[in-house]
PDB file of N, CA and C in Angstrom:
ATOM      1  N   MET A   1      -5.117   3.541  -7.909  1.00  0.00           N
ATOM      2  CA  MET A   1      -4.138   2.575  -7.454  1.00  0.00           C
ATOM      3  C   MET A   1      -4.870   1.355  -6.916  1.00  0.00           C
ATOM      4  N   MET A   2      -4.481   0.217  -7.360  1.00  0.00           N
ATOM      5  CA  MET A   2      -5.099  -1.016  -6.894  1.00  0.00           C
ATOM      6  C   MET A   2      -4.487  -1.418  -5.552  1.00  0.00           C
ATOM      7  N   VAL A   3      -5.168  -2.276  -4.836  1.00  0.00           N
ATOM      8  CA  VAL A   3      -4.715  -2.711  -3.511  1.00  0.00           C
ATOM      9  C   VAL A   3      -3.307  -3.301  -3.587  1.00  0.00           C
ATOM     10  N   GLY A   4      -3.080  -4.184  -4.541  1.00  0.00           N
ATOM     11  CA  GLY A   4      -1.771  -4.825  -4.663  1.00  0.00           C
ATOM     12  C   GLY A   4      -0.650  -3.840  -4.917  1.00  0.00           C
ATOM     13  N   LYS A   5      -0.910  -2.875  -5.789  1.00  0.00           N
ATOM     14  CA  LYS A   5       0.112  -1.874  -6.090  1.00  0.00           C
ATOM     15  C   LYS A   5       0.418  -1.021  -4.862  1.00  0.00           C
ATOM     16  N   THR A   6      -0.600  -0.685  -4.111  1.00  0.00           N
ATOM     17  CA  THR A   6      -0.402   0.093  -2.889  1.00  0.00           C
ATOM     18  C   THR A   6       0.475  -0.674  -1.908  1.00  0.00           C
ATOM     19  N   ILE A   7       0.180  -1.960  -1.738  1.00  0.00           N
ATOM     20  CA  ILE A   7       0.973  -2.794  -0.821  1.00  0.00           C
ATOM     21  C   ILE A   7       2.414  -2.880  -1.308  1.00  0.00           C
ATOM     22  N   ARG A   8       2.601  -3.086  -2.602  1.00  0.00           N
ATOM     23  CA  ARG A   8       3.950  -3.183  -3.156  1.00  0.00           C
ATOM     24  C   ARG A   8       4.729  -1.894  -2.925  1.00  0.00           C
ATOM     25  N   VAL A   9       4.098  -0.748  -3.169  1.00  0.00           N
ATOM     26  CA  VAL A   9       4.776   0.538  -2.972  1.00  0.00           C
ATOM     27  C   VAL A   9       5.199   0.705  -1.515  1.00  0.00           C
ATOM     28  N   LEU A  10       4.308   0.373  -0.580  1.00  0.00           N
ATOM     29  CA  LEU A  10       4.656   0.475   0.838  1.00  0.00           C
ATOM     30  C   LEU A  10       5.798  -0.471   1.193  1.00  0.00           C
ATOM     31  N   ARG A  11       5.754  -1.694   0.676  1.00  0.00           N
ATOM     32  CA  ARG A  11       6.791  -2.688   0.976  1.00  0.00           C
ATOM     33  C   ARG A  11       8.144  -2.243   0.436  1.00  0.00           C
ATOM     34  N   VAL A  12       8.172  -1.826  -0.821  1.00  0.00           N
ATOM     35  CA  VAL A  12       9.429  -1.409  -1.449  1.00  0.00           C
ATOM     36  C   VAL A  12       9.976  -0.153  -0.774  1.00  0.00           C
ATOM     37  N   ALA A  13       9.100   0.757  -0.401  1.00  0.00           N
ATOM     38  CA  ALA A  13       9.546   1.985   0.271  1.00  0.00           C
ATOM     39  C   ALA A  13      10.210   1.684   1.604  1.00  0.00           C
ATOM     40  N   ARG A  14       9.810   0.598   2.242  1.00  0.00           N
ATOM     41  CA  ARG A  14      10.424   0.174   3.514  1.00  0.00           C
ATOM     42  C   ARG A  14      11.575  -0.799   3.290  1.00  0.00           C
ATOM     43  N   ASP A  15      11.942  -1.002   2.014  1.00  0.00           N
ATOM     44  CA  ASP A  15      13.058  -1.868   1.652  1.00  0.00           C
ATOM     45  C   ASP A  15      12.887  -3.285   2.194  1.00  0.00           C
ATOM     46  N   LEU A  16      11.678  -3.816   2.046  1.00  0.00           N
ATOM     47  CA  LEU A  16      11.366  -5.171   2.496  1.00  0.00           C
ATOM     48  C   LEU A  16      11.196  -6.082   1.285  1.00  0.00           C
ATOM     49  N   SER A  17      11.660  -7.315   1.420  1.00  0.00           N
ATOM     50  CA  SER A  17      11.376  -8.306   0.390  1.00  0.00           C
ATOM     51  C   SER A  17       9.965  -8.837   0.628  1.00  0.00           C
ATOM     52  N   GLN A  18       9.412  -9.518  -0.364  1.00  0.00           N
ATOM     53  CA  GLN A  18       8.101 -10.135  -0.159  1.00  0.00           C
ATOM     54  C   GLN A  18       8.169 -11.143   0.982  1.00  0.00           C
ATOM     55  N   GLY A  19       9.245 -11.889   1.047  1.00  0.00           N
ATOM     56  CA  GLY A  19       9.408 -12.879   2.106  1.00  0.00           C
ATOM     57  C   GLY A  19       9.430 -12.251   3.493  1.00  0.00           C
ATOM     58  N   GLU A  20      10.146 -11.143   3.629  1.00  0.00           N
ATOM     59  CA  GLU A  20      10.223 -10.466   4.926  1.00  0.00           C
ATOM     60  C   GLU A  20       8.858  -9.955   5.368  1.00  0.00           C
ATOM     61  N   LEU A  21       8.138  -9.306   4.444  1.00  0.00           N
ATOM     62  CA  LEU A  21       6.820  -8.796   4.809  1.00  0.00           C
ATOM     63  C   LEU A  21       5.857  -9.943   5.088  1.00  0.00           C
ATOM     64  N   ALA A  22       5.916 -10.983   4.266  1.00  0.00           N
ATOM     65  CA  ALA A  22       5.030 -12.135   4.463  1.00  0.00           C
ATOM     66  C   ALA A  22       5.247 -12.744   5.845  1.00  0.00           C
ATOM     67  N   ARG A  23       6.503 -12.914   6.242  1.00  0.00           N
ATOM     68  CA  ARG A  23       6.787 -13.459   7.581  1.00  0.00           C
ATOM     69  C   ARG A  23       6.261 -12.532   8.680  1.00  0.00           C
ATOM     70  N   ALA A  24       6.428 -11.232   8.473  1.00  0.00           N
ATOM     71  CA  ALA A  24       6.016 -10.261   9.493  1.00  0.00           C
ATOM     72  C   ALA A  24       4.505 -10.272   9.724  1.00  0.00           C
ATOM     73  N   VAL A  25       3.735 -10.523   8.669  1.00  0.00           N
ATOM     74  CA  VAL A  25       2.272 -10.514   8.802  1.00  0.00           C
ATOM     75  C   VAL A  25       1.687 -11.931   8.789  1.00  0.00           C
ATOM     76  N   LYS A  26       2.596 -12.920   8.826  1.00  0.00           N
ATOM     77  CA  LYS A  26       2.211 -14.329   8.957  1.00  0.00           C
ATOM     78  C   LYS A  26       1.336 -14.851   7.813  1.00  0.00           C
ATOM     79  N   VAL A  27       1.813 -14.606   6.577  1.00  0.00           N
ATOM     80  CA  VAL A  27       1.202 -15.197   5.384  1.00  0.00           C
ATOM     81  C   VAL A  27       2.337 -15.779   4.546  1.00  0.00           C
ATOM     82  N   SER A  28       1.992 -16.565   3.550  1.00  0.00           N
ATOM     83  CA  SER A  28       3.031 -17.124   2.688  1.00  0.00           C
ATOM     84  C   SER A  28       3.480 -16.072   1.674  1.00  0.00           C
ATOM     85  N   PRO A  29       4.752 -16.148   1.244  1.00  0.00           N
ATOM     86  CA  PRO A  29       5.216 -15.226   0.216  1.00  0.00           C
ATOM     87  C   PRO A  29       4.398 -15.361  -1.081  1.00  0.00           C
ATOM     88  N   GLY A  30       3.944 -16.568  -1.381  1.00  0.00           N
ATOM     89  CA  GLY A  30       3.118 -16.776  -2.572  1.00  0.00           C
ATOM     90  C   GLY A  30       1.808 -16.018  -2.499  1.00  0.00           C
ATOM     91  N   TYR A  31       1.171 -16.038  -1.320  1.00  0.00           N
ATOM     92  CA  TYR A  31      -0.079 -15.304  -1.133  1.00  0.00           C
ATOM     93  C   TYR A  31       0.164 -13.809  -1.319  1.00  0.00           C
ATOM     94  N   LEU A  32       1.231 -13.301  -0.720  1.00  0.00           N
ATOM     95  CA  LEU A  32       1.553 -11.883  -0.856  1.00  0.00           C
ATOM     96  C   LEU A  32       1.821 -11.533  -2.315  1.00  0.00           C
ATOM     97  N   SER A  33       2.523 -12.392  -3.021  1.00  0.00           N
ATOM     98  CA  SER A  33       2.797 -12.157  -4.440  1.00  0.00           C
ATOM     99  C   SER A  33       1.505 -12.074  -5.252  1.00  0.00           C
ATOM    100  N   LEU A  34       0.564 -12.974  -4.980  1.00  0.00           N
ATOM    101  CA  LEU A  34      -0.723 -12.949  -5.684  1.00  0.00           C
ATOM    102  C   LEU A  34      -1.481 -11.652  -5.403  1.00  0.00           C
ATOM    103  N   ILE A  35      -1.437 -11.203  -4.160  1.00  0.00           N
ATOM    104  CA  ILE A  35      -2.118  -9.959  -3.775  1.00  0.00           C
ATOM    105  C   ILE A  35      -1.461  -8.776  -4.490  1.00  0.00           C
ATOM    106  N   GLU A  36      -0.119  -8.705  -4.435  1.00  0.00           N
ATOM    107  CA  GLU A  36       0.589  -7.579  -5.042  1.00  0.00           C
ATOM    108  C   GLU A  36       0.386  -7.503  -6.554  1.00  0.00           C
ATOM    109  N   SER A  37       0.195  -8.636  -7.196  1.00  0.00           N
ATOM    110  CA  SER A  37      -0.012  -8.632  -8.645  1.00  0.00           C
ATOM    111  C   SER A  37      -1.499  -8.552  -9.000  1.00  0.00           C
ATOM    112  N   ASP A  38      -2.341  -8.318  -7.990  1.00  0.00           N
ATOM    113  CA  ASP A  38      -3.793  -8.180  -8.150  1.00  0.00           C
ATOM    114  C   ASP A  38      -4.433  -9.403  -8.806  1.00  0.00           C
ATOM    115  N   LYS A  39      -3.860 -10.567  -8.522  1.00  0.00           N
ATOM    116  CA  LYS A  39      -4.432 -11.813  -9.019  1.00  0.00           C
ATOM    117  C   LYS A  39      -5.340 -12.466  -7.982  1.00  0.00           C
ATOM    118  N   ARG A  40      -5.336 -11.901  -6.781  1.00  0.00           N
ATOM    119  CA  ARG A  40      -6.192 -12.412  -5.711  1.00  0.00           C
ATOM    120  C   ARG A  40      -6.627 -11.250  -4.835  1.00  0.00           C
ATOM    121  N   GLU A  41      -7.880 -11.296  -4.413  1.00  0.00           N
ATOM    122  CA  GLU A  41      -8.400 -10.271  -3.504  1.00  0.00           C
ATOM    123  C   GLU A  41      -7.916 -10.574  -2.086  1.00  0.00           C
ATOM    124  N   PRO A  42      -7.396  -9.583  -1.382  1.00  0.00           N
ATOM    125  CA  PRO A  42      -6.933  -9.823  -0.014  1.00  0.00           C
ATOM    126  C   PRO A  42      -8.104  -9.971   0.952  1.00  0.00           C
ATOM    127  N   SER A  43      -7.889 -10.755   1.988  1.00  0.00           N
ATOM    128  CA  SER A  43      -8.914 -10.889   3.024  1.00  0.00           C
ATOM    129  C   SER A  43      -8.855  -9.671   3.939  1.00  0.00           C
ATOM    130  N   LEU A  44      -9.930  -9.430   4.635  1.00  0.00           N
ATOM    131  CA  LEU A  44      -9.971  -8.310   5.573  1.00  0.00           C
ATOM    132  C   LEU A  44      -8.949  -8.513   6.689  1.00  0.00           C
ATOM    133  N   SER A  45      -8.797  -9.750   7.161  1.00  0.00           N
ATOM    134  CA  SER A  45      -7.823  -9.994   8.233  1.00  0.00           C
ATOM    135  C   SER A  45      -6.401  -9.700   7.755  1.00  0.00           C
ATOM    136  N   PHE A  46      -6.104 -10.018   6.496  1.00  0.00           N
ATOM    137  CA  PHE A  46      -4.787  -9.709   5.935  1.00  0.00           C
ATOM    138  C   PHE A  46      -4.580  -8.196   5.862  1.00  0.00           C
ATOM    139  N   LEU A  47      -5.598  -7.473   5.398  1.00  0.00           N
ATOM    140  CA  LEU A  47      -5.496  -6.014   5.320  1.00  0.00           C
ATOM    141  C   LEU A  47      -5.308  -5.398   6.701  1.00  0.00           C
ATOM    142  N   LYS A  48      -5.971  -5.950   7.701  1.00  0.00           N
ATOM    143  CA  LYS A  48      -5.802  -5.453   9.071  1.00  0.00           C
ATOM    144  C   LYS A  48      -4.370  -5.676   9.559  1.00  0.00           C
ATOM    145  N   LYS A  49      -3.803  -6.849   9.239  1.00  0.00           N
ATOM    146  CA  LYS A  49      -2.414  -7.132   9.630  1.00  0.00           C
ATOM    147  C   LYS A  49      -1.450  -6.147   8.966  1.00  0.00           C
ATOM    148  N   LEU A  50      -1.667  -5.897   7.684  1.00  0.00           N
ATOM    149  CA  LEU A  50      -0.805  -4.944   6.971  1.00  0.00           C
ATOM    150  C   LEU A  50      -0.937  -3.539   7.549  1.00  0.00           C
ATOM    151  N   ALA A  51      -2.166  -3.134   7.803  1.00  0.00           N
ATOM    152  CA  ALA A  51      -2.393  -1.797   8.357  1.00  0.00           C
ATOM    153  C   ALA A  51      -1.694  -1.653   9.704  1.00  0.00           C
ATOM    154  N   THR A  52      -1.766  -2.692  10.510  1.00  0.00           N
ATOM    155  CA  THR A  52      -1.085  -2.664  11.809  1.00  0.00           C
ATOM    156  C   THR A  52       0.425  -2.605  11.604  1.00  0.00           C
ATOM    157  N   TYR A  53       0.940  -3.427  10.714  1.00  0.00           N
ATOM    158  CA  TYR A  53       2.382  -3.464  10.462  1.00  0.00           C
ATOM    159  C   TYR A  53       2.898  -2.103   9.987  1.00  0.00           C
ATOM    160  N   PHE A  54       2.210  -1.503   9.022  1.00  0.00           N
ATOM    161  CA  PHE A  54       2.654  -0.217   8.474  1.00  0.00           C
ATOM    162  C   PHE A  54       2.137   0.977   9.269  1.00  0.00           C
ATOM    163  N   ASN A  55       1.309   0.711  10.282  1.00  0.00           N
ATOM    164  CA  ASN A  55       0.746   1.767  11.123  1.00  0.00           C
ATOM    165  C   ASN A  55      -0.017   2.795  10.278  1.00  0.00           C
ATOM    166  N   ILE A  56      -0.949   2.269   9.481  1.00  0.00           N
ATOM    167  CA  ILE A  56      -1.773   3.095   8.607  1.00  0.00           C
ATOM    168  C   ILE A  56      -3.229   2.689   8.761  1.00  0.00           C
ATOM    169  N   PRO A  57      -4.174   3.524   8.358  1.00  0.00           N
ATOM    170  CA  PRO A  57      -5.584   3.121   8.387  1.00  0.00           C
ATOM    171  C   PRO A  57      -5.855   2.068   7.305  1.00  0.00           C
ATOM    172  N   VAL A  58      -6.674   1.083   7.613  1.00  0.00           N
ATOM    173  CA  VAL A  58      -7.023   0.040   6.648  1.00  0.00           C
ATOM    174  C   VAL A  58      -7.617   0.661   5.390  1.00  0.00           C
ATOM    175  N   GLY A  59      -8.392   1.708   5.549  1.00  0.00           N
ATOM    176  CA  GLY A  59      -9.034   2.348   4.407  1.00  0.00           C
ATOM    177  C   GLY A  59      -8.053   2.842   3.364  1.00  0.00           C
ATOM    178  N   PHE A  60      -6.847   3.213   3.779  1.00  0.00           N
ATOM    179  CA  PHE A  60      -5.861   3.675   2.808  1.00  0.00           C
ATOM    180  C   PHE A  60      -5.542   2.580   1.794  1.00  0.00           C
ATOM    181  N   LEU A  61      -5.512   1.335   2.250  1.00  0.00           N
ATOM    182  CA  LEU A  61      -5.206   0.213   1.356  1.00  0.00           C
ATOM    183  C   LEU A  61      -6.315  -0.028   0.342  1.00  0.00           C
ATOM    184  N   LEU A  62      -7.498   0.493   0.627  1.00  0.00           N
ATOM    185  CA  LEU A  62      -8.651   0.236  -0.231  1.00  0.00           C
ATOM    186  C   LEU A  62      -8.926   1.334  -1.249  1.00  0.00           C
ATOM    187  N   LEU A  63      -8.114   2.388  -1.254  1.00  0.00           N
ATOM    188  CA  LEU A  63      -8.290   3.450  -2.248  1.00  0.00           C
ATOM    189  C   LEU A  63      -7.980   2.890  -3.624  1.00  0.00           C
ATOM    190  N   GLU A  64      -8.931   2.981  -4.527  1.00  0.00           N
ATOM    191  CA  GLU A  64      -8.751   2.423  -5.867  1.00  0.00           C
ATOM    192  C   GLU A  64      -9.155   3.426  -6.929  1.00  0.00           C
ATOM    193  N   ASP A  65      -8.776   3.132  -8.146  1.00  0.00           N
ATOM    194  CA  ASP A  65      -9.068   3.990  -9.295  1.00  0.00           C
ATOM    195  C   ASP A  65     -10.319   3.576 -10.059  1.00  0.00           C
ATOM    196  N   ARG A  66     -10.975   2.532  -9.666  1.00  0.00           N
ATOM    197  CA  ARG A  66     -12.063   1.976 -10.466  1.00  0.00           C
ATOM    198  C   ARG A  66     -13.147   2.977 -10.839  1.00  0.00           C
ATOM    199  N   ASN A  67     -13.597   3.800  -9.913  1.00  0.00           N
ATOM    200  CA  ASN A  67     -14.706   4.711 -10.184  1.00  0.00           C
ATOM    201  C   ASN A  67     -14.252   6.134 -10.479  1.00  0.00           C
ATOM    202  N   VAL A  68     -12.966   6.331 -10.634  1.00  0.00           N
ATOM    203  CA  VAL A  68     -12.434   7.672 -10.843  1.00  0.00           C
ATOM    204  C   VAL A  68     -12.891   8.251 -12.183  1.00  0.00           C
ATOM    205  N   ARG A  69     -13.108   7.405 -13.171  1.00  0.00           N
ATOM    206  CA  ARG A  69     -13.515   7.904 -14.492  1.00  0.00           C
ATOM    207  C   ARG A  69     -14.846   8.648 -14.452  1.00  0.00           C
ATOM    208  N   ALA A  70     -15.649   8.362 -13.447  1.00  0.00           N
ATOM    209  CA  ALA A  70     -16.946   9.032 -13.328  1.00  0.00           C
ATOM    210  C   ALA A  70     -16.788  10.479 -12.855  1.00  0.00           C
ATOM    211  N   PHE A  71     -15.624  10.836 -12.324  1.00  0.00           N
ATOM    212  CA  PHE A  71     -15.393  12.189 -11.832  1.00  0.00           C
ATOM    213  C   PHE A  71     -14.977  13.102 -12.979  1.00  0.00           C
ATOM    214  N   ASP A  72     -15.201  14.389 -12.776  1.00  0.00           N
ATOM    215  CA  ASP A  72     -14.725  15.327 -13.784  1.00  0.00           C
ATOM    216  C   ASP A  72     -13.203  15.482 -13.620  1.00  0.00           C
ATOM    217  N   PRO A  73     -12.518  16.053 -14.607  1.00  0.00           N
ATOM    218  CA  PRO A  73     -11.045  16.131 -14.566  1.00  0.00           C
ATOM    219  C   PRO A  73     -10.488  16.816 -13.318  1.00  0.00           C
ATOM    220  N   ASN A  74     -11.139  17.861 -12.831  1.00  0.00           N
ATOM    221  CA  ASN A  74     -10.644  18.537 -11.624  1.00  0.00           C
ATOM    222  C   ASN A  74     -10.757  17.647 -10.395  1.00  0.00           C
ATOM    223  N   GLN A  75     -11.843  16.893 -10.289  1.00  0.00           N
ATOM    224  CA  GLN A  75     -11.995  15.974  -9.164  1.00  0.00           C
ATOM    225  C   GLN A  75     -10.954  14.855  -9.232  1.00  0.00           C
ATOM    226  N   ARG A  76     -10.707  14.326 -10.434  1.00  0.00           N
ATOM    227  CA  ARG A  76      -9.691  13.273 -10.587  1.00  0.00           C
ATOM    228  C   ARG A  76      -8.318  13.786 -10.195  1.00  0.00           C
ATOM    229  N   ARG A  77      -7.979  14.992 -10.650  1.00  0.00           N
ATOM    230  CA  ARG A  77      -6.685  15.579 -10.323  1.00  0.00           C
ATOM    231  C   ARG A  77      -6.537  15.749  -8.816  1.00  0.00           C
ATOM    232  N   LEU A  78      -7.574  16.273  -8.165  1.00  0.00           N
ATOM    233  CA  LEU A  78      -7.535  16.472  -6.725  1.00  0.00           C
ATOM    234  C   LEU A  78      -7.397  15.145  -5.983  1.00  0.00           C
ATOM    235  N   LEU A  79      -8.159  14.143  -6.392  1.00  0.00           N
ATOM    236  CA  LEU A  79      -8.078  12.830  -5.759  1.00  0.00           C
ATOM    237  C   LEU A  79      -6.687  12.227  -5.915  1.00  0.00           C
ATOM    238  N   ASN A  80      -6.103  12.341  -7.093  1.00  0.00           N
ATOM    239  CA  ASN A  80      -4.754  11.818  -7.308  1.00  0.00           C
ATOM    240  C   ASN A  80      -3.715  12.564  -6.481  1.00  0.00           C
ATOM    241  N   GLU A  81      -3.864  13.872  -6.341  1.00  0.00           N
ATOM    242  CA  GLU A  81      -2.946  14.644  -5.503  1.00  0.00           C
ATOM    243  C   GLU A  81      -3.047  14.208  -4.049  1.00  0.00           C
ATOM    244  N   ILE A  82      -4.259  13.985  -3.576  1.00  0.00           N
ATOM    245  CA  ILE A  82      -4.455  13.528  -2.193  1.00  0.00           C
ATOM    246  C   ILE A  82      -3.814  12.158  -1.993  1.00  0.00           C
ATOM    247  N   ARG A  83      -4.052  11.242  -2.923  1.00  0.00           N
ATOM    248  CA  ARG A  83      -3.462   9.893  -2.820  1.00  0.00           C
ATOM    249  C   ARG A  83      -1.948   9.959  -2.770  1.00  0.00           C
ATOM    250  N   HIS A  84      -1.345  10.710  -3.705  1.00  0.00           N
ATOM    251  CA  HIS A  84       0.112  10.798  -3.749  1.00  0.00           C
ATOM    252  C   HIS A  84       0.674  11.458  -2.494  1.00  0.00           C
ATOM    253  N   SER A  85       0.029  12.489  -2.017  1.00  0.00           N
ATOM    254  CA  SER A  85       0.495  13.161  -0.801  1.00  0.00           C
ATOM    255  C   SER A  85       0.412  12.233   0.401  1.00  0.00           C
ATOM    256  N   LEU A  86      -0.690  11.510   0.517  1.00  0.00           N
ATOM    257  CA  LEU A  86      -0.842  10.586   1.635  1.00  0.00           C
ATOM    258  C   LEU A  86       0.184   9.466   1.549  1.00  0.00           C
ATOM    259  N   LEU A  87       0.403   8.936   0.373  1.00  0.00           N
ATOM    260  CA  LEU A  87       1.386   7.876   0.201  1.00  0.00           C
ATOM    261  C   LEU A  87       2.788   8.388   0.523  1.00  0.00           C
ATOM    262  N   ASP A  88       3.139   9.560   0.035  1.00  0.00           N
ATOM    263  CA  ASP A  88       4.446  10.142   0.352  1.00  0.00           C
ATOM    264  C   ASP A  88       4.620  10.298   1.857  1.00  0.00           C
ATOM    265  N   TYR A  89       3.587  10.777   2.533  1.00  0.00           N
ATOM    266  CA  TYR A  89       3.661  10.927   3.988  1.00  0.00           C
ATOM    267  C   TYR A  89       3.862   9.581   4.673  1.00  0.00           C
ATOM    268  N   LEU A  90       3.091   8.586   4.257  1.00  0.00           N
ATOM    269  CA  LEU A  90       3.154   7.279   4.920  1.00  0.00           C
ATOM    270  C   LEU A  90       4.503   6.607   4.767  1.00  0.00           C
ATOM    271  N   VAL A  91       5.117   6.734   3.606  1.00  0.00           N
ATOM    272  CA  VAL A  91       6.395   6.067   3.413  1.00  0.00           C
ATOM    273  C   VAL A  91       7.574   6.889   3.911  1.00  0.00           C
ATOM    274  N   SER A  92       7.403   8.175   4.158  1.00  0.00           N
ATOM    275  CA  SER A  92       8.519   9.001   4.596  1.00  0.00           C
ATOM    276  C   SER A  92       8.639   9.134   6.107  1.00  0.00           C
ATOM    277  N   ARG A  93       7.589   8.792   6.837  1.00  0.00           N
ATOM    278  CA  ARG A  93       7.657   8.959   8.291  1.00  0.00           C
ATOM    279  C   ARG A  93       8.419   7.797   8.914  1.00  0.00           C
ATOM    280  N   ASP A  94       8.959   8.038  10.087  1.00  0.00           N
ATOM    281  CA  ASP A  94       9.690   7.005  10.810  1.00  0.00           C
ATOM    282  C   ASP A  94       8.724   6.001  11.404  1.00  0.00           C
ATOM    283  N   VAL A  95       9.093   4.730  11.278  1.00  0.00           N
ATOM    284  CA  VAL A  95       8.312   3.649  11.865  1.00  0.00           C
ATOM    285  C   VAL A  95       9.247   2.925  12.825  1.00  0.00           C
ATOM    286  N   PRO A  96       8.975   2.962  14.127  1.00  0.00           N
ATOM    287  CA  PRO A  96       9.876   2.339  15.097  1.00  0.00           C
ATOM    288  C   PRO A  96      10.033   0.844  14.846  1.00  0.00           C
ATOM    289  N   ASP A  97      11.246   0.355  15.087  1.00  0.00           N
ATOM    290  CA  ASP A  97      11.558  -1.080  15.011  1.00  0.00           C
ATOM    291  C   ASP A  97      11.343  -1.667  13.629  1.00  0.00           C
ATOM    292  N   ARG A  98      11.414  -0.889  12.607  1.00  0.00           N
ATOM    293  CA  ARG A  98      11.281  -1.394  11.245  1.00  0.00           C
ATOM    294  C   ARG A  98      12.498  -0.955  10.459  1.00  0.00           C
ATOM    295  N   LYS A  99      12.695  -1.568   9.313  1.00  0.00           N
ATOM    296  CA  LYS A  99      13.819  -1.202   8.458  1.00  0.00           C
ATOM    297  C   LYS A  99      13.693   0.257   8.023  1.00  0.00           C
ATOM    298  N   PRO A 100      14.822   0.917   7.741  1.00  0.00           N
ATOM    299  CA  PRO A 100      14.740   2.290   7.249  1.00  0.00           C
ATOM    300  C   PRO A 100      14.000   2.351   5.925  1.00  0.00           C
ATOM    301  N   LYS A 101      13.380   3.494   5.697  1.00  0.00           N
ATOM    302  CA  LYS A 101      12.591   3.640   4.478  1.00  0.00           C
ATOM    303  C   LYS A 101      13.448   4.084   3.318  1.00  0.00           C
ATOM    304  N   ARG A 102      12.965   3.794   2.121  1.00  0.00           N
ATOM    305  CA  ARG A 102      13.627   4.195   0.883  1.00  0.00           C
ATOM    306  C   ARG A 102      12.904   5.408   0.342  1.00  0.00           C
ATOM    307  N   GLN A 103      13.631   6.317  -0.299  1.00  0.00           N
ATOM    308  CA  GLN A 103      13.011   7.500  -0.888  1.00  0.00           C
ATOM    309  C   GLN A 103      12.085   7.066  -2.017  1.00  0.00           C
ATOM    310  N   LEU A 104      10.896   7.646  -2.092  1.00  0.00           N
ATOM    311  CA  LEU A 104       9.900   7.255  -3.079  1.00  0.00           C
ATOM    312  C   LEU A 104       9.515   8.425  -3.949  1.00  0.00           C
ATOM    313  N   ASN A 105       9.457   8.177  -5.238  1.00  0.00           N
ATOM    314  CA  ASN A 105       8.943   9.165  -6.185  1.00  0.00           C
ATOM    315  C   ASN A 105       7.686   8.590  -6.775  1.00  0.00           C
ATOM    316  N   ALA A 106       6.525   8.809  -6.143  1.00  0.00           N
ATOM    317  CA  ALA A 106       5.258   8.178  -6.529  1.00  0.00           C
ATOM    318  C   ALA A 106       4.638   8.814  -7.758  1.00  0.00           C
ATOM    319  N   LYS A 107       5.059   9.983  -8.147  1.00  0.00           N
ATOM    320  CA  LYS A 107       4.410  10.668  -9.271  1.00  0.00           C
ATOM    321  C   LYS A 107       4.961  10.279 -10.573  1.00  0.00           C
TER     322      LYS A 107
END
């Protein structure tokens, strides 16, 4: 999963528009759109703001598929199961003072 896709999944699961999330983390909607479509690399300060907003570790946003091909099939399967489980947990838990979450089928 690329950084942009991860951010998009978290945003949609919380039923937020790009504009709403952009305002919440103090960036332009255009910048957020570029990040979500993986046309621009996010800055560390932006990732920290998102992690704070979603109450998640910054490292979760950095999980990517780039080097997964080097793993054997069992390792890839295990890594994907861990990613999906963590994502399901993050979007299903209650976040105080935020919009209600939407049910997510990440698989």
